[in-house]
Full PDB file with SEQRES, HELIX, SHEET, SSBOND, CRYST1, ORIGX, SCALE, CONECT and MASTER records, all heavy atoms in Angstrom:
SEQRES   1 A   35  LYS GLN TYR LEU PRO VAL ALA TRP GLU GLY ALA PRO PRO          
SEQRES   2 A   35  GLY GLY HIS HIS ARG LYS GLY LEU LEU ARG PHE LYS VAL          
SEQRES   3 A   35  ILE ALA PRO MET HIS ALA SER MET LYS                          
SHEET    1 AA1 2 ALA A   7  GLY A  10  0                                        
SHEET    2 AA1 2 GLY A  20  ARG A  23 -1                                        
CRYST1    1.000    1.000    1.000  90.00  90.00  90.00 P 1           1          
ORIGX1      1.000000  0.000000  0.000000        0.00000                         
ORIGX2      0.000000  1.000000  0.000000        0.00000                         
ORIGX3      0.000000  0.000000  1.000000        0.00000                         
SCALE1      1.000000  0.000000  0.000000        0.00000                         
SCALE2      0.000000  1.000000  0.000000        0.00000                         
SCALE3      0.000000  0.000000  1.000000        0.00000                         
ATOM      1  N   LYS A   1      95.970  72.560 121.825  1.00  0.00           N  
ATOM      2  CA  LYS A   1      94.982  71.848 122.625  1.00  0.00           C  
ATOM      3  C   LYS A   1      93.995  71.139 121.704  1.00  0.00           C  
ATOM      4  O   LYS A   1      93.544  71.712 120.716  1.00  0.00           O  
ATOM      5  CB  LYS A   1      94.239  72.815 123.552  1.00  0.00           C  
ATOM      6  CG  LYS A   1      93.339  72.110 124.534  1.00  0.00           C  
ATOM      7  CD  LYS A   1      92.789  73.061 125.575  1.00  0.00           C  
ATOM      8  CE  LYS A   1      91.866  72.283 126.514  1.00  0.00           C  
ATOM      9  NZ  LYS A   1      91.208  73.132 127.476  1.00  0.00           N  
ATOM     10  N   GLN A   2      93.654  69.887 122.062  1.00  0.00           N  
ATOM     11  CA  GLN A   2      92.757  69.095 121.231  1.00  0.00           C  
ATOM     12  C   GLN A   2      91.341  69.093 121.796  1.00  0.00           C  
ATOM     13  O   GLN A   2      91.149  69.043 123.010  1.00  0.00           O  
ATOM     14  CB  GLN A   2      93.266  67.666 121.114  1.00  0.00           C  
ATOM     15  CG  GLN A   2      94.571  67.577 120.363  1.00  0.00           C  
ATOM     16  CD  GLN A   2      94.989  66.145 120.116  1.00  0.00           C  
ATOM     17  OE1 GLN A   2      94.559  65.230 120.798  1.00  0.00           O  
ATOM     18  NE2 GLN A   2      95.829  65.950 119.113  1.00  0.00           N  
ATOM     19  N   TYR A   3      90.364  69.132 120.875  1.00  0.00           N  
ATOM     20  CA  TYR A   3      88.947  69.126 121.223  1.00  0.00           C  
ATOM     21  C   TYR A   3      88.267  68.017 120.427  1.00  0.00           C  
ATOM     22  O   TYR A   3      88.487  67.892 119.222  1.00  0.00           O  
ATOM     23  CB  TYR A   3      88.298  70.472 120.887  1.00  0.00           C  
ATOM     24  CG  TYR A   3      88.976  71.637 121.563  1.00  0.00           C  
ATOM     25  CD1 TYR A   3      90.074  72.271 120.980  1.00  0.00           C  
ATOM     26  CD2 TYR A   3      88.536  72.093 122.805  1.00  0.00           C  
ATOM     27  CE1 TYR A   3      90.707  73.332 121.615  1.00  0.00           C  
ATOM     28  CE2 TYR A   3      89.164  73.152 123.440  1.00  0.00           C  
ATOM     29  CZ  TYR A   3      90.251  73.769 122.837  1.00  0.00           C  
ATOM     30  OH  TYR A   3      90.873  74.818 123.463  1.00  0.00           O  
ATOM     31  N   LEU A   4      87.442  67.239 121.116  1.00  0.00           N  
ATOM     32  CA  LEU A   4      86.716  66.158 120.462  1.00  0.00           C  
ATOM     33  C   LEU A   4      85.331  66.632 120.038  1.00  0.00           C  
ATOM     34  O   LEU A   4      84.749  67.507 120.683  1.00  0.00           O  
ATOM     35  CB  LEU A   4      86.598  64.966 121.409  1.00  0.00           C  
ATOM     36  CG  LEU A   4      87.935  64.354 121.845  1.00  0.00           C  
ATOM     37  CD1 LEU A   4      87.699  63.237 122.861  1.00  0.00           C  
ATOM     38  CD2 LEU A   4      88.725  63.847 120.654  1.00  0.00           C  
ATOM     39  N   PRO A   5      84.782  66.039 118.992  1.00  0.00           N  
ATOM     40  CA  PRO A   5      83.438  66.429 118.551  1.00  0.00           C  
ATOM     41  C   PRO A   5      82.403  66.091 119.611  1.00  0.00           C  
ATOM     42  O   PRO A   5      82.560  65.130 120.371  1.00  0.00           O  
ATOM     43  CB  PRO A   5      83.205  65.584 117.306  1.00  0.00           C  
ATOM     44  CG  PRO A   5      84.490  64.947 116.963  1.00  0.00           C  
ATOM     45  CD  PRO A   5      85.372  65.003 118.153  1.00  0.00           C  
ATOM     46  N   VAL A   6      81.339  66.882 119.643  1.00  0.00           N  
ATOM     47  CA  VAL A   6      80.232  66.598 120.558  1.00  0.00           C  
ATOM     48  C   VAL A   6      79.073  65.915 119.837  1.00  0.00           C  
ATOM     49  O   VAL A   6      78.224  65.310 120.485  1.00  0.00           O  
ATOM     50  CB  VAL A   6      79.733  67.877 121.279  1.00  0.00           C  
ATOM     51  CG1 VAL A   6      80.810  68.412 122.200  1.00  0.00           C  
ATOM     52  CG2 VAL A   6      79.269  68.934 120.305  1.00  0.00           C  
ATOM     53  N   ALA A   7      79.049  65.995 118.507  1.00  0.00           N  
ATOM     54  CA  ALA A   7      77.946  65.363 117.780  1.00  0.00           C  
ATOM     55  C   ALA A   7      78.221  65.308 116.277  1.00  0.00           C  
ATOM     56  O   ALA A   7      79.007  66.096 115.749  1.00  0.00           O  
ATOM     57  CB  ALA A   7      76.647  66.138 118.011  1.00  0.00           C  
ATOM     58  N   TRP A   8      77.553  64.379 115.629  1.00  0.00           N  
ATOM     59  CA  TRP A   8      77.455  64.301 114.172  1.00  0.00           C  
ATOM     60  C   TRP A   8      75.975  64.336 113.853  1.00  0.00           C  
ATOM     61  O   TRP A   8      75.199  63.516 114.362  1.00  0.00           O  
ATOM     62  CB  TRP A   8      78.083  63.013 113.652  1.00  0.00           C  
ATOM     63  CG  TRP A   8      77.713  62.708 112.223  1.00  0.00           C  
ATOM     64  CD1 TRP A   8      76.771  61.812 111.786  1.00  0.00           C  
ATOM     65  CD2 TRP A   8      78.261  63.299 111.048  1.00  0.00           C  
ATOM     66  NE1 TRP A   8      76.711  61.817 110.421  1.00  0.00           N  
ATOM     67  CE2 TRP A   8      77.613  62.720 109.928  1.00  0.00           C  
ATOM     68  CE3 TRP A   8      79.228  64.269 110.817  1.00  0.00           C  
ATOM     69  CZ2 TRP A   8      77.905  63.066 108.618  1.00  0.00           C  
ATOM     70  CZ3 TRP A   8      79.520  64.621 109.506  1.00  0.00           C  
ATOM     71  CH2 TRP A   8      78.874  64.030 108.426  1.00  0.00           C  
ATOM     72  N   GLU A   9      75.570  65.296 113.063  1.00  0.00           N  
ATOM     73  CA  GLU A   9      74.178  65.389 112.633  1.00  0.00           C  
ATOM     74  C   GLU A   9      74.145  65.286 111.121  1.00  0.00           C  
ATOM     75  O   GLU A   9      74.457  66.254 110.427  1.00  0.00           O  
ATOM     76  CB  GLU A   9      73.563  66.703 113.106  1.00  0.00           C  
ATOM     77  CG  GLU A   9      73.437  66.778 114.613  1.00  0.00           C  
ATOM     78  CD  GLU A   9      72.805  68.069 115.102  1.00  0.00           C  
ATOM     79  OE1 GLU A   9      72.286  68.839 114.279  1.00  0.00           O  
ATOM     80  OE2 GLU A   9      72.854  68.293 116.318  1.00  0.00           O  
ATOM     81  N   GLY A  10      73.829  64.099 110.660  1.00  0.00           N  
ATOM     82  CA  GLY A  10      73.812  63.897 109.227  1.00  0.00           C  
ATOM     83  C   GLY A  10      73.572  62.448 108.885  1.00  0.00           C  
ATOM     84  O   GLY A  10      73.047  61.675 109.696  1.00  0.00           O  
ATOM     85  N   ALA A  11      73.979  62.072 107.690  1.00  0.00           N  
ATOM     86  CA  ALA A  11      73.759  60.724 107.186  1.00  0.00           C  
ATOM     87  C   ALA A  11      74.470  59.703 108.067  1.00  0.00           C  
ATOM     88  O   ALA A  11      75.604  59.917 108.484  1.00  0.00           O  
ATOM     89  CB  ALA A  11      74.259  60.623 105.750  1.00  0.00           C  
ATOM     90  N   PRO A  12      73.803  58.589 108.359  1.00  0.00           N  
ATOM     91  CA  PRO A  12      74.419  57.547 109.180  1.00  0.00           C  
ATOM     92  C   PRO A  12      75.478  56.785 108.392  1.00  0.00           C  
ATOM     93  O   PRO A  12      75.562  56.921 107.167  1.00  0.00           O  
ATOM     94  CB  PRO A  12      73.227  56.641 109.529  1.00  0.00           C  
ATOM     95  CG  PRO A  12      72.295  56.809 108.384  1.00  0.00           C  
ATOM     96  CD  PRO A  12      72.455  58.244 107.945  1.00  0.00           C  
ATOM     97  N   PRO A  13      76.279  55.962 109.085  1.00  0.00           N  
ATOM     98  CA  PRO A  13      77.287  55.158 108.386  1.00  0.00           C  
ATOM     99  C   PRO A  13      76.661  54.299 107.300  1.00  0.00           C  
ATOM    100  O   PRO A  13      75.522  53.839 107.423  1.00  0.00           O  
ATOM    101  CB  PRO A  13      77.888  54.292 109.499  1.00  0.00           C  
ATOM    102  CG  PRO A  13      77.658  55.076 110.747  1.00  0.00           C  
ATOM    103  CD  PRO A  13      76.342  55.777 110.529  1.00  0.00           C  
ATOM    104  N   GLY A  14      77.445  54.093 106.244  1.00  0.00           N  
ATOM    105  CA  GLY A  14      77.007  53.261 105.125  1.00  0.00           C  
ATOM    106  C   GLY A  14      76.811  54.085 103.870  1.00  0.00           C  
ATOM    107  O   GLY A  14      76.755  55.302 103.903  1.00  0.00           O  
ATOM    108  N   GLY A  15      76.738  53.410 102.771  1.00  0.00           N  
ATOM    109  CA  GLY A  15      76.522  54.073 101.494  1.00  0.00           C  
ATOM    110  C   GLY A  15      77.790  54.690 100.936  1.00  0.00           C  
ATOM    111  O   GLY A  15      78.866  54.599 101.518  1.00  0.00           O  
ATOM    112  N   HIS A  16      77.640  55.333  99.793  1.00  0.00           N  
ATOM    113  CA  HIS A  16      78.781  55.921  99.095  1.00  0.00           C  
ATOM    114  C   HIS A  16      78.816  57.443  99.171  1.00  0.00           C  
ATOM    115  O   HIS A  16      79.766  58.064  98.715  1.00  0.00           O  
ATOM    116  CB  HIS A  16      78.779  55.488  97.624  1.00  0.00           C  
ATOM    117  CG  HIS A  16      78.981  54.025  97.446  1.00  0.00           C  
ATOM    118  ND1 HIS A  16      80.220  53.446  97.432  1.00  0.00           N  
ATOM    119  CD2 HIS A  16      78.092  53.009  97.315  1.00  0.00           C  
ATOM    120  CE1 HIS A  16      80.106  52.144  97.276  1.00  0.00           C  
ATOM    121  NE2 HIS A  16      78.814  51.844  97.203  1.00  0.00           N  
ATOM    122  N   HIS A  17      77.769  58.051  99.710  1.00  0.00           N  
ATOM    123  CA  HIS A  17      77.694  59.507  99.842  1.00  0.00           C  
ATOM    124  C   HIS A  17      77.119  59.830 101.215  1.00  0.00           C  
ATOM    125  O   HIS A  17      76.034  59.358 101.554  1.00  0.00           O  
ATOM    126  CB  HIS A  17      76.814  60.126  98.748  1.00  0.00           C  
ATOM    127  CG  HIS A  17      77.290  59.816  97.369  1.00  0.00           C  
ATOM    128  ND1 HIS A  17      78.303  60.521  96.770  1.00  0.00           N  
ATOM    129  CD2 HIS A  17      76.922  58.859  96.485  1.00  0.00           C  
ATOM    130  CE1 HIS A  17      78.529  60.019  95.562  1.00  0.00           C  
ATOM    131  NE2 HIS A  17      77.702  59.002  95.374  1.00  0.00           N  
ATOM    132  N   ARG A  18      77.846  60.639 101.979  1.00  0.00           N  
ATOM    133  CA  ARG A  18      77.356  61.065 103.300  1.00  0.00           C  
ATOM    134  C   ARG A  18      77.623  62.555 103.450  1.00  0.00           C  
ATOM    135  O   ARG A  18      78.631  63.067 102.985  1.00  0.00           O  
ATOM    136  CB  ARG A  18      78.092  60.333 104.429  1.00  0.00           C  
ATOM    137  CG  ARG A  18      77.772  58.872 104.494  1.00  0.00           C  
ATOM    138  CD  ARG A  18      78.561  58.167 105.569  1.00  0.00           C  
ATOM    139  NE  ARG A  18      78.205  58.663 106.894  1.00  0.00           N  
ATOM    140  CZ  ARG A  18      78.940  58.428 107.982  1.00  0.00           C  
ATOM    141  NH1 ARG A  18      80.039  57.728 107.914  1.00  0.00           N  
ATOM    142  NH2 ARG A  18      78.555  58.905 109.142  1.00  0.00           N  
ATOM    143  N   LYS A  19      76.707  63.217 104.134  1.00  0.00           N  
ATOM    144  CA  LYS A  19      76.862  64.646 104.372  1.00  0.00           C  
ATOM    145  C   LYS A  19      76.228  64.968 105.714  1.00  0.00           C  
ATOM    146  O   LYS A  19      75.198  64.398 106.073  1.00  0.00           O  
ATOM    147  CB  LYS A  19      76.185  65.456 103.272  1.00  0.00           C  
ATOM    148  CG  LYS A  19      76.409  66.947 103.362  1.00  0.00           C  
ATOM    149  CD  LYS A  19      75.805  67.642 102.156  1.00  0.00           C  
ATOM    150  CE  LYS A  19      76.104  69.123 102.164  1.00  0.00           C  
ATOM    151  NZ  LYS A  19      75.627  69.761 100.935  1.00  0.00           N  
ATOM    152  N   GLY A  20      76.865  65.883 106.445  1.00  0.00           N  
ATOM    153  CA  GLY A  20      76.301  66.286 107.723  1.00  0.00           C  
ATOM    154  C   GLY A  20      77.154  67.328 108.403  1.00  0.00           C  
ATOM    155  O   GLY A  20      78.127  67.830 107.829  1.00  0.00           O  
ATOM    156  N   LEU A  21      76.771  67.642 109.643  1.00  0.00           N  
ATOM    157  CA  LEU A  21      77.506  68.621 110.442  1.00  0.00           C  
ATOM    158  C   LEU A  21      78.262  67.908 111.547  1.00  0.00           C  
ATOM    159  O   LEU A  21      77.676  67.151 112.325  1.00  0.00           O  
ATOM    160  CB  LEU A  21      76.553  69.642 111.058  1.00  0.00           C  
ATOM    161  CG  LEU A  21      75.842  70.576 110.095  1.00  0.00           C  
ATOM    162  CD1 LEU A  21      74.885  71.480 110.864  1.00  0.00           C  
ATOM    163  CD2 LEU A  21      76.834  71.410 109.302  1.00  0.00           C  
ATOM    164  N   LEU A  22      79.557  68.165 111.626  1.00  0.00           N  
ATOM    165  CA  LEU A  22      80.392  67.693 112.714  1.00  0.00           C  
ATOM    166  C   LEU A  22      80.497  68.857 113.680  1.00  0.00           C  
ATOM    167  O   LEU A  22      80.953  69.938 113.304  1.00  0.00           O  
ATOM    168  CB  LEU A  22      81.764  67.280 112.187  1.00  0.00           C  
ATOM    169  CG  LEU A  22      82.705  66.601 113.165  1.00  0.00           C  
ATOM    170  CD1 LEU A  22      82.101  65.314 113.719  1.00  0.00           C  
ATOM    171  CD2 LEU A  22      84.034  66.313 112.480  1.00  0.00           C  
ATOM    172  N   ARG A  23      80.031  68.651 114.923  1.00  0.00           N  
ATOM    173  CA  ARG A  23      79.918  69.752 115.882  1.00  0.00           C  
ATOM    174  C   ARG A  23      80.949  69.650 116.998  1.00  0.00           C  
ATOM    175  O   ARG A  23      81.199  68.573 117.524  1.00  0.00           O  
ATOM    176  CB  ARG A  23      78.525  69.780 116.487  1.00  0.00           C  
ATOM    177  CG  ARG A  23      77.491  70.041 115.438  1.00  0.00           C  
ATOM    178  CD  ARG A  23      76.127  70.250 115.988  1.00  0.00           C  
ATOM    179  NE  ARG A  23      75.379  70.832 114.878  1.00  0.00           N  
ATOM    180  CZ  ARG A  23      74.392  71.649 115.006  1.00  0.00           C  
ATOM    181  NH1 ARG A  23      73.977  72.025 116.169  1.00  0.00           N  
ATOM    182  NH2 ARG A  23      73.776  72.114 113.950  1.00  0.00           N  
ATOM    183  N   PHE A  24      81.510  70.818 117.344  1.00  0.00           N  
ATOM    184  CA  PHE A  24      82.443  70.965 118.457  1.00  0.00           C  
ATOM    185  C   PHE A  24      81.940  72.094 119.340  1.00  0.00           C  
ATOM    186  O   PHE A  24      81.339  73.045 118.844  1.00  0.00           O  
ATOM    187  CB  PHE A  24      83.841  71.336 117.956  1.00  0.00           C  
ATOM    188  CG  PHE A  24      84.511  70.249 117.166  1.00  0.00           C  
ATOM    189  CD1 PHE A  24      84.242  70.076 115.818  1.00  0.00           C  
ATOM    190  CD2 PHE A  24      85.428  69.402 117.773  1.00  0.00           C  
ATOM    191  CE1 PHE A  24      84.862  69.080 115.090  1.00  0.00           C  
ATOM    192  CE2 PHE A  24      86.048  68.405 117.045  1.00  0.00           C  
ATOM    193  CZ  PHE A  24      85.776  68.239 115.707  1.00  0.00           C  
ATOM    194  N   LYS A  25      82.216  72.012 120.639  1.00  0.00           N  
ATOM    195  CA  LYS A  25      81.895  73.142 121.506  1.00  0.00           C  
ATOM    196  C   LYS A  25      82.739  74.329 121.075  1.00  0.00           C  
ATOM    197  O   LYS A  25      83.864  74.175 120.597  1.00  0.00           O  
ATOM    198  CB  LYS A  25      82.189  72.807 122.971  1.00  0.00           C  
ATOM    199  CG  LYS A  25      81.196  71.850 123.559  1.00  0.00           C  
ATOM    200  CD  LYS A  25      81.441  71.655 125.036  1.00  0.00           C  
ATOM    201  CE  LYS A  25      80.396  70.704 125.585  1.00  0.00           C  
ATOM    202  NZ  LYS A  25      80.592  70.440 127.004  1.00  0.00           N  
ATOM    203  N   VAL A  26      82.193  75.522 121.248  1.00  0.00           N  
ATOM    204  CA  VAL A  26      82.910  76.752 120.897  1.00  0.00           C  
ATOM    205  C   VAL A  26      84.216  76.814 121.676  1.00  0.00           C  
ATOM    206  O   VAL A  26      84.253  76.519 122.875  1.00  0.00           O  
ATOM    207  CB  VAL A  26      82.040  77.990 121.199  1.00  0.00           C  
ATOM    208  CG1 VAL A  26      82.847  79.270 121.083  1.00  0.00           C  
ATOM    209  CG2 VAL A  26      80.849  78.034 120.266  1.00  0.00           C  
ATOM    210  N   ILE A  27      85.280  77.195 120.990  1.00  0.00           N  
ATOM    211  CA  ILE A  27      86.582  77.351 121.630  1.00  0.00           C  
ATOM    212  C   ILE A  27      86.756  78.819 121.981  1.00  0.00           C  
ATOM    213  O   ILE A  27      86.703  79.680 121.109  1.00  0.00           O  
ATOM    214  CB  ILE A  27      87.721  76.889 120.705  1.00  0.00           C  
ATOM    215  CG1 ILE A  27      87.540  75.409 120.378  1.00  0.00           C  
ATOM    216  CG2 ILE A  27      89.069  77.156 121.346  1.00  0.00           C  
ATOM    217  CD1 ILE A  27      88.502  74.905 119.321  1.00  0.00           C  
ATOM    218  N   ALA A  28      86.938  79.086 123.250  1.00  0.00           N  
ATOM    219  CA  ALA A  28      87.144  80.470 123.699  1.00  0.00           C  
ATOM    220  C   ALA A  28      88.316  80.483 124.672  1.00  0.00           C  
ATOM    221  O   ALA A  28      88.463  79.561 125.464  1.00  0.00           O  
ATOM    222  CB  ALA A  28      85.886  80.997 124.374  1.00  0.00           C  
ATOM    223  N   PRO A  29      89.156  81.494 124.596  1.00  0.00           N  
ATOM    224  CA  PRO A  29      89.112  82.620 123.664  1.00  0.00           C  
ATOM    225  C   PRO A  29      89.520  82.177 122.261  1.00  0.00           C  
ATOM    226  O   PRO A  29      90.069  81.099 122.075  1.00  0.00           O  
ATOM    227  CB  PRO A  29      90.138  83.596 124.247  1.00  0.00           C  
ATOM    228  CG  PRO A  29      91.128  82.731 124.950  1.00  0.00           C  
ATOM    229  CD  PRO A  29      90.322  81.564 125.484  1.00  0.00           C  
ATOM    230  N   MET A  30      89.254  83.031 121.291  1.00  0.00           N  
ATOM    231  CA  MET A  30      89.562  82.751 119.896  1.00  0.00           C  
ATOM    232  C   MET A  30      91.068  82.607 119.710  1.00  0.00           C  
ATOM    233  O   MET A  30      91.838  83.371 120.254  1.00  0.00           O  
ATOM    234  CB  MET A  30      89.033  83.888 119.012  1.00  0.00           C  
ATOM    235  CG  MET A  30      89.241  83.662 117.539  1.00  0.00           C  
ATOM    236  SD  MET A  30      88.322  82.285 116.859  1.00  0.00           S  
ATOM    237  CE  MET A  30      86.676  82.946 116.930  1.00  0.00           C  
ATOM    238  N   HIS A  31      91.472  81.603 118.954  1.00  0.00           N  
ATOM    239  CA  HIS A  31      92.879  81.356 118.676  1.00  0.00           C  
ATOM    240  C   HIS A  31      93.231  81.853 117.279  1.00  0.00           C  
ATOM    241  O   HIS A  31      92.357  82.211 116.497  1.00  0.00           O  
ATOM    242  CB  HIS A  31      93.183  79.865 118.806  1.00  0.00           C  
ATOM    243  CG  HIS A  31      92.949  79.345 120.194  1.00  0.00           C  
ATOM    244  ND1 HIS A  31      93.789  79.612 121.235  1.00  0.00           N  
ATOM    245  CD2 HIS A  31      91.947  78.591 120.703  1.00  0.00           C  
ATOM    246  CE1 HIS A  31      93.338  79.034 122.339  1.00  0.00           C  
ATOM    247  NE2 HIS A  31      92.211  78.413 122.032  1.00  0.00           N  
ATOM    248  N   ALA A  32      94.510  81.845 116.957  1.00  0.00           N  
ATOM    249  CA  ALA A  32      94.970  82.346 115.665  1.00  0.00           C  
ATOM    250  C   ALA A  32      94.613  81.406 114.517  1.00  0.00           C  
ATOM    251  O   ALA A  32      94.393  81.842 113.392  1.00  0.00           O  
ATOM    252  CB  ALA A  32      96.473  82.579 115.696  1.00  0.00           C  
ATOM    253  N   SER A  33      94.554  80.108 114.798  1.00  0.00           N  
ATOM    254  CA  SER A  33      94.234  79.146 113.743  1.00  0.00           C  
ATOM    255  C   SER A  33      93.618  77.901 114.368  1.00  0.00           C  
ATOM    256  O   SER A  33      93.655  77.715 115.588  1.00  0.00           O  
ATOM    257  CB  SER A  33      95.492  78.762 112.958  1.00  0.00           C  
ATOM    258  OG  SER A  33      96.399  78.075 113.799  1.00  0.00           O  
ATOM    259  N   MET A  34      93.071  77.061 113.514  1.00  0.00           N  
ATOM    260  CA  MET A  34      92.526  75.786 113.956  1.00  0.00           C  
ATOM    261  C   MET A  34      92.800  74.749 112.887  1.00  0.00           C  
ATOM    262  O   MET A  34      92.912  75.063 111.702  1.00  0.00           O  
ATOM    263  CB  MET A  34      91.032  75.886 114.216  1.00  0.00           C  
ATOM    264  CG  MET A  34      90.217  76.159 112.999  1.00  0.00           C  
ATOM    265  SD  MET A  34      88.472  76.257 113.382  1.00  0.00           S  
ATOM    266  CE  MET A  34      87.862  76.920 111.839  1.00  0.00           C  
ATOM    267  N   LYS A  35      92.919  73.508 113.335  1.00  0.00           N  
ATOM    268  CA  LYS A  35      93.160  72.410 112.405  1.00  0.00           C  
ATOM    269  C   LYS A  35      92.201  71.277 112.749  1.00  0.00           C  
ATOM    270  O   LYS A  35      92.148  70.823 113.892  1.00  0.00           O  
ATOM    271  CB  LYS A  35      94.588  71.907 112.505  1.00  0.00           C  
ATOM    272  CG  LYS A  35      94.881  70.796 111.515  1.00  0.00           C  
ATOM    273  CD  LYS A  35      96.246  70.110 111.612  1.00  0.00           C  
ATOM    274  CE  LYS A  35      97.357  70.890 112.196  1.00  0.00           C  
ATOM    275  NZ  LYS A  35      98.640  70.173 112.174  1.00  0.00           N  
TER     276      LYS A  35                                                      
MASTER        0    0    0    0    2    0    0    6  275    1    0    3          
END                                                                             
């Protein structure tokens, strides 16, 4: 099953270095793996 991100909290587009948090809603129940 595929899940889309709900938010990006970090550096905006542009530049040569970006860092931030890519957020997804919690997946329940817990699965064996994620990609």
